[in-house]
Protein backbone atom coordinates (compact mmCIF):
# COMPACT_ATOMS: atom_id res chain seq x y z
CA MET A 1 27.14 -15.31 12.66
CA ASP A 2 27.75 -12.12 10.69
CA LYS A 3 28.21 -9.68 13.55
CA GLN A 4 28.62 -6.56 11.41
CA GLU A 5 25.56 -7.24 9.25
CA LEU A 6 23.55 -8.19 12.33
CA GLY A 7 24.45 -4.91 14.04
CA ASP A 8 23.70 -2.84 10.95
CA PHE A 9 20.34 -4.55 10.51
CA LEU A 10 19.32 -3.99 14.14
CA ARG A 11 20.28 -0.33 13.94
CA SER A 12 18.34 0.19 10.71
CA ARG A 13 15.21 -1.37 12.22
CA ARG A 14 15.56 0.64 15.45
CA GLU A 15 15.98 3.95 13.62
CA ARG A 16 12.80 3.51 11.58
CA LEU A 17 10.57 3.33 14.68
CA ARG A 18 9.02 6.19 16.59
CA PRO A 19 8.35 6.01 20.34
CA SER A 20 4.61 6.12 19.66
CA ASP A 21 4.91 2.96 17.54
CA VAL A 22 5.77 0.95 20.66
CA GLY A 23 3.60 2.81 23.15
CA LEU A 24 6.24 5.20 24.49
CA ALA A 25 5.95 8.94 24.97
CA SER A 26 8.04 11.02 22.59
CA GLY A 27 9.41 13.19 25.41
CA ALA A 28 12.14 15.73 24.77
CA ARG A 29 13.61 16.46 21.36
CA ARG A 30 15.75 13.56 20.14
CA ARG A 31 19.16 14.02 18.59
CA THR A 32 18.92 10.87 16.44
CA PRO A 33 16.01 9.21 14.60
CA GLY A 34 14.14 6.25 15.98
CA LEU A 35 14.16 4.57 19.36
CA ARG A 36 17.04 4.79 21.78
CA ARG A 37 19.06 1.64 22.42
CA GLU A 38 18.02 1.56 26.06
CA GLU A 39 14.36 1.66 25.00
CA VAL A 40 14.80 -1.35 22.74
CA ALA A 41 16.64 -3.18 25.52
CA VAL A 42 13.82 -2.58 27.99
CA LEU A 43 11.20 -3.73 25.48
CA ALA A 44 13.27 -6.84 24.64
CA HIS A 45 13.94 -7.64 28.34
CA ILE A 46 17.72 -7.59 27.93
CA SER A 47 20.44 -5.29 29.27
CA THR A 48 21.25 -2.06 27.46
CA GLU A 49 24.93 -3.00 27.49
CA TYR A 50 24.28 -6.31 25.69
CA TYR A 51 21.99 -4.74 23.09
CA THR A 52 24.54 -1.99 22.46
CA ARG A 53 27.24 -4.60 21.91
CA LEU A 54 24.97 -6.42 19.45
CA GLU A 55 24.56 -3.27 17.36
CA GLN A 56 28.31 -2.62 17.54
CA GLY A 57 29.14 -6.15 16.37
CA ARG A 58 30.90 -7.06 19.62
CA ALA A 59 28.47 -9.46 21.30
CA PRO A 60 28.45 -13.26 21.25
CA ARG A 61 25.69 -15.10 19.41
CA PRO A 62 22.29 -14.24 20.94
CA SER A 63 19.97 -17.02 22.06
CA SER A 64 16.64 -17.74 20.40
CA GLU A 65 14.93 -16.18 23.42
CA VAL A 66 16.89 -12.96 23.04
CA LEU A 67 16.13 -12.82 19.32
CA ALA A 68 12.42 -13.35 20.06
CA GLY A 69 12.48 -10.42 22.47
CA ILE A 70 14.25 -8.19 19.95
CA THR A 71 11.79 -9.26 17.24
CA ASP A 72 8.88 -8.11 19.39
CA ALA A 73 10.63 -4.92 20.50
CA LEU A 74 11.45 -3.82 16.95
CA LEU A 75 8.08 -4.91 15.51
CA LEU A 76 9.80 -7.09 12.91
CA THR A 77 7.76 -8.74 10.18
CA ASP A 78 8.01 -12.50 9.64
CA ALA A 79 10.49 -11.96 6.79
CA GLU A 80 12.61 -9.62 8.92
CA ALA A 81 12.55 -12.04 11.87
CA THR A 82 13.73 -14.87 9.60
CA HIS A 83 16.50 -12.62 8.28
CA LEU A 84 17.54 -11.76 11.85
CA HIS A 85 17.89 -15.46 12.68
CA ASP A 86 19.85 -16.04 9.47
CA LEU A 87 22.30 -13.28 10.39
CA ALA A 88 22.66 -14.59 13.94
CA GLY A 89 23.33 -18.10 12.68
CA THR A 90 20.48 -19.61 14.71
CA ALA A 91 18.25 -20.61 11.79
CA ARG A 92 18.88 -23.95 10.13
CA LYS A 93 20.13 -23.36 6.61
CA SER A 94 18.83 -25.57 3.84
CA ALA A 95 22.18 -25.58 2.02
CA ALA A 96 25.55 -23.85 2.03
CA THR A 97 25.05 -22.53 -1.50
CA ASP A 98 22.16 -21.53 -3.71
CA ASP A 99 20.75 -24.47 -5.73
CA ARG A 100 20.65 -23.57 -9.44
CA THR A 101 19.40 -26.90 -10.78
CA VAL A 102 15.76 -26.98 -11.88
CA ARG A 103 13.38 -29.90 -11.53
CA ALA A 104 12.55 -31.47 -14.90
CA SER A 105 8.84 -31.27 -14.10
CA ILE A 106 9.08 -27.47 -13.75
CA VAL A 107 10.91 -27.15 -17.07
CA SER A 108 8.21 -29.29 -18.69
CA LEU A 109 5.49 -27.18 -17.07
CA ILE A 110 6.66 -23.84 -18.48
CA ASP A 111 7.17 -25.43 -21.91
CA ARG A 112 3.48 -26.41 -21.87
CA LEU A 113 2.37 -22.80 -21.33
CA PRO A 114 2.62 -21.35 -24.86
CA GLY A 115 0.62 -18.22 -24.00
CA ALA A 116 2.71 -17.27 -20.97
CA VAL A 117 6.28 -16.13 -20.54
CA GLY A 118 7.79 -18.54 -18.02
CA VAL A 119 11.14 -18.29 -16.25
CA VAL A 120 12.65 -19.84 -13.14
CA LEU A 121 14.86 -17.60 -10.99
CA SER A 122 17.50 -18.72 -8.52
CA ALA A 123 17.84 -16.99 -5.16
CA ALA A 124 20.51 -14.84 -6.84
CA PHE A 125 18.07 -13.70 -9.60
CA GLU A 126 19.73 -15.74 -12.32
CA ILE A 127 17.33 -17.07 -14.95
CA VAL A 128 18.01 -20.81 -14.73
CA ALA A 129 15.12 -22.09 -16.90
CA TRP A 130 12.84 -20.49 -19.50
CA ASN A 131 10.40 -21.22 -22.31
CA ASP A 132 10.38 -20.04 -25.92
CA LEU A 133 8.16 -17.02 -25.27
CA ALA A 134 10.63 -15.85 -22.62
CA VAL A 135 13.30 -15.81 -25.33
CA ALA A 136 11.04 -13.70 -27.55
CA LEU A 137 10.54 -11.17 -24.74
CA LEU A 138 13.92 -11.24 -22.96
CA GLY A 139 16.37 -12.07 -25.75
CA ASP A 140 18.69 -15.01 -26.43
CA LEU A 141 18.91 -16.56 -22.98
CA ALA A 142 20.64 -19.74 -24.15
CA GLY A 143 23.41 -17.73 -25.81
CA ALA A 144 23.85 -15.38 -22.86
CA THR A 145 26.37 -15.94 -20.10
CA PRO A 146 25.04 -16.71 -16.60
CA ALA A 147 26.09 -13.18 -15.62
CA ASP A 148 24.02 -11.64 -18.43
CA ARG A 149 21.04 -13.87 -17.54
CA ASN A 150 21.03 -12.32 -14.06
CA LEU A 151 18.08 -9.94 -13.63
CA ALA A 152 19.82 -8.02 -10.84
CA ARG A 153 22.67 -7.15 -13.19
CA ARG A 154 20.19 -6.25 -15.91
CA ALA A 155 18.36 -3.96 -13.49
CA PHE A 156 21.37 -2.07 -12.12
CA LEU A 157 24.25 -2.27 -14.63
CA PRO A 158 23.71 -0.25 -17.85
CA ASP A 159 26.38 -2.19 -19.77
CA VAL A 160 24.54 -5.47 -19.15
CA ALA A 161 21.15 -3.92 -19.93
CA ARG A 162 22.40 -2.55 -23.26
CA LYS A 163 23.51 -5.93 -24.58
CA THR A 164 20.38 -7.77 -23.42
CA ARG A 165 16.71 -7.20 -24.15
CA SER A 166 15.89 -5.77 -20.75
CA ASP A 167 14.33 -2.36 -21.34
CA VAL A 168 11.71 -2.36 -18.56
CA ALA A 169 9.63 0.75 -17.90
CA ASP A 170 9.10 0.19 -14.16
CA MET A 171 12.63 -0.42 -12.86
CA THR A 172 12.00 2.02 -9.98
CA GLU A 173 9.58 -0.50 -8.51
CA PHE A 174 11.59 -3.59 -9.45
CA ARG A 175 14.96 -2.52 -8.05
CA PRO A 176 14.01 -2.36 -4.33
CA HIS A 177 12.36 -5.76 -4.78
CA VAL A 178 15.62 -7.21 -6.12
CA VAL A 179 17.76 -5.73 -3.36
CA SER A 180 15.45 -6.97 -0.60
CA GLN A 181 15.53 -10.53 -1.89
CA LEU A 182 19.28 -10.46 -2.52
CA ARG A 183 19.89 -9.34 1.06
CA THR A 184 17.91 -12.30 2.32
CA ALA A 185 19.80 -14.66 0.01
CA ALA A 186 23.17 -13.23 1.09
CA ALA A 187 22.34 -14.00 4.73
CA ARG A 188 20.90 -17.45 4.01
CA TYR A 189 23.82 -18.52 1.80
CA ALA A 190 26.65 -16.65 3.46
CA GLY A 191 29.23 -19.06 2.02
CA ASP A 192 28.04 -18.83 -1.59
CA PRO A 193 30.77 -17.06 -3.62
CA VAL A 194 28.40 -16.30 -6.53
CA ILE A 195 26.00 -14.32 -4.34
CA ARG A 196 28.82 -12.68 -2.41
CA ASP A 197 30.59 -11.57 -5.60
CA LEU A 198 27.32 -10.40 -7.16
CA VAL A 199 26.52 -8.15 -4.22
CA ALA A 200 30.07 -6.78 -4.16
CA GLU A 201 29.95 -6.06 -7.91
CA LEU A 202 26.60 -4.29 -7.72
CA ARG A 203 27.61 -2.21 -4.70
CA ALA A 204 30.82 -1.17 -6.44
CA HIS A 205 29.24 -0.24 -9.79
CA SER A 206 25.76 1.01 -8.93
CA GLU A 207 25.15 3.88 -6.53
CA ASP A 208 21.44 3.09 -6.64
CA PHE A 209 22.02 -0.51 -5.55
CA ASP A 210 24.37 0.55 -2.76
CA ARG A 211 21.87 3.11 -1.48
CA LEU A 212 19.08 0.53 -1.41
CA TRP A 213 21.39 -2.08 0.12
CA GLN A 214 22.17 0.18 3.05
CA ARG A 215 18.47 0.40 3.90
CA HIS A 216 18.57 -3.25 5.07
CA ASP A 217 15.04 -3.94 3.80
CA VAL A 218 14.13 -7.62 3.56
CA GLN A 219 10.37 -7.42 2.93
CA PRO A 220 10.03 -7.11 -0.85
CA LYS A 221 6.82 -5.66 -2.22
CA PRO A 222 5.19 -7.93 -4.79
CA ILE A 223 5.47 -6.88 -8.42
CA ILE A 224 1.92 -7.07 -9.81
CA THR A 225 2.49 -5.83 -13.36
CA LYS A 226 5.51 -5.16 -15.54
CA THR A 227 5.89 -3.19 -18.76
CA PHE A 228 8.54 -4.26 -21.28
CA ARG A 229 9.63 -1.96 -24.10
CA HIS A 230 10.25 -4.52 -26.84
CA PRO A 231 12.44 -3.29 -29.75
CA GLU A 232 10.23 -4.93 -32.41
CA VAL A 233 6.64 -4.85 -31.18
CA GLY A 234 6.66 -1.92 -28.75
CA PRO A 235 5.48 -1.78 -25.13
CA ILE A 236 3.90 -4.86 -23.53
CA THR A 237 2.27 -4.67 -20.10
CA VAL A 238 1.83 -8.05 -18.43
CA ASP A 239 0.59 -9.43 -15.15
CA CYS A 240 3.44 -10.83 -13.06
CA ASP A 241 2.71 -13.88 -10.89
CA THR A 242 5.39 -15.53 -8.79
CA LEU A 243 5.18 -19.05 -7.37
CA LEU A 244 7.73 -20.10 -4.78
CA LEU A 245 9.57 -23.41 -5.23
CA PRO A 246 10.71 -23.86 -1.62
CA ASP A 247 12.53 -27.18 -2.05
CA ARG A 248 15.25 -25.36 -4.05
CA ASP A 249 14.60 -21.77 -2.95
CA GLN A 250 13.62 -20.75 -6.48
CA GLN A 251 10.82 -18.70 -8.03
CA LEU A 252 8.65 -19.60 -10.98
CA VAL A 253 7.66 -16.31 -12.61
CA LEU A 254 4.86 -16.15 -15.17
CA PHE A 255 4.08 -13.11 -17.34
CA THR A 256 0.59 -13.13 -18.85
CA ALA A 257 -1.66 -10.57 -20.54
CA ARG A 258 -5.38 -9.98 -20.02
CA PRO A 259 -7.36 -11.93 -22.66
CA GLY A 260 -8.60 -9.74 -25.49
CA SER A 261 -6.21 -6.89 -24.69
CA ARG A 262 -3.70 -5.33 -27.05
CA ASP A 263 -0.96 -6.79 -24.85
CA ALA A 264 -2.39 -10.29 -25.33
CA GLU A 265 -2.37 -9.75 -29.09
CA THR A 266 1.24 -8.57 -28.91
CA LEU A 267 2.29 -11.63 -26.89
CA GLU A 268 0.54 -13.84 -29.44
CA LEU A 269 2.44 -12.06 -32.23
CA LEU A 270 5.70 -12.75 -30.41
CA ARG A 271 4.71 -16.40 -30.00
CA ILE A 272 4.04 -16.69 -33.74
CA ILE A 273 7.35 -15.01 -34.58
CA ILE A 274 9.37 -17.26 -32.29
CA SER A 275 7.46 -20.36 -33.47
CA GLY A 276 8.31 -19.52 -37.07
CA SER A 277 11.97 -19.02 -36.28
CA LEU A 278 12.08 -22.41 -34.53
CA THR A 279 10.37 -24.32 -37.35
CA PRO A 280 12.86 -26.52 -39.29
CA GLY A 281 13.48 -25.60 -42.91
């Protein structure tokens, strides 16, 4: 149980709500944003003292019944409720650390999709498998270190972005998505040193990451399209589809372009270029 993170998360969810959201009258002017602690306690059917201790990181592990009451009181989404259980240590964890091995069938699948950029991401946003077209769009992934293959580092650390092909036009949309999923992963794999060190590094070297991290959001918005600024062929806007691989907590991400569009022609040009560079002799 991570008492400090649990308390911070509860406070962030409480402060985003208005009394009217839960059927309460606004009443007199409030000194702080959101609901009062005693209001949450009443709605969750627990004592104000116990809820206050939870937010302050001083309470023992709450029961599943208490967490269910708090979930209802704070109007948590399914993703937020799961995160709450992860922080409280009441949800069964699939593993102590993030699994970075990829099923051979998935590797074979993305290799058989010549017209699509295919990558597999770990829970920590490391690219752990890719096809040839992904190399054409994202740079030399095989020659990159695991740290440089990490999309979170590429999104938030300029030094990493400069030495990789990661000039993406819509980082403003992508960054909150990354932080939300990393927060979930950090709670689920609390003992994983790679995730812990990654979060610490990003908080220390990126003010933007630290600001987003302190929002405690765990409901990422889906990324529908993405625009890459490729150094050789110019901008490419692609559809972004993500398929969850729940057995290893990974994501299969496919970038495709609308048939007949300029972007499809550009992707085909990249495919031809990379095919030529891979042809022996």
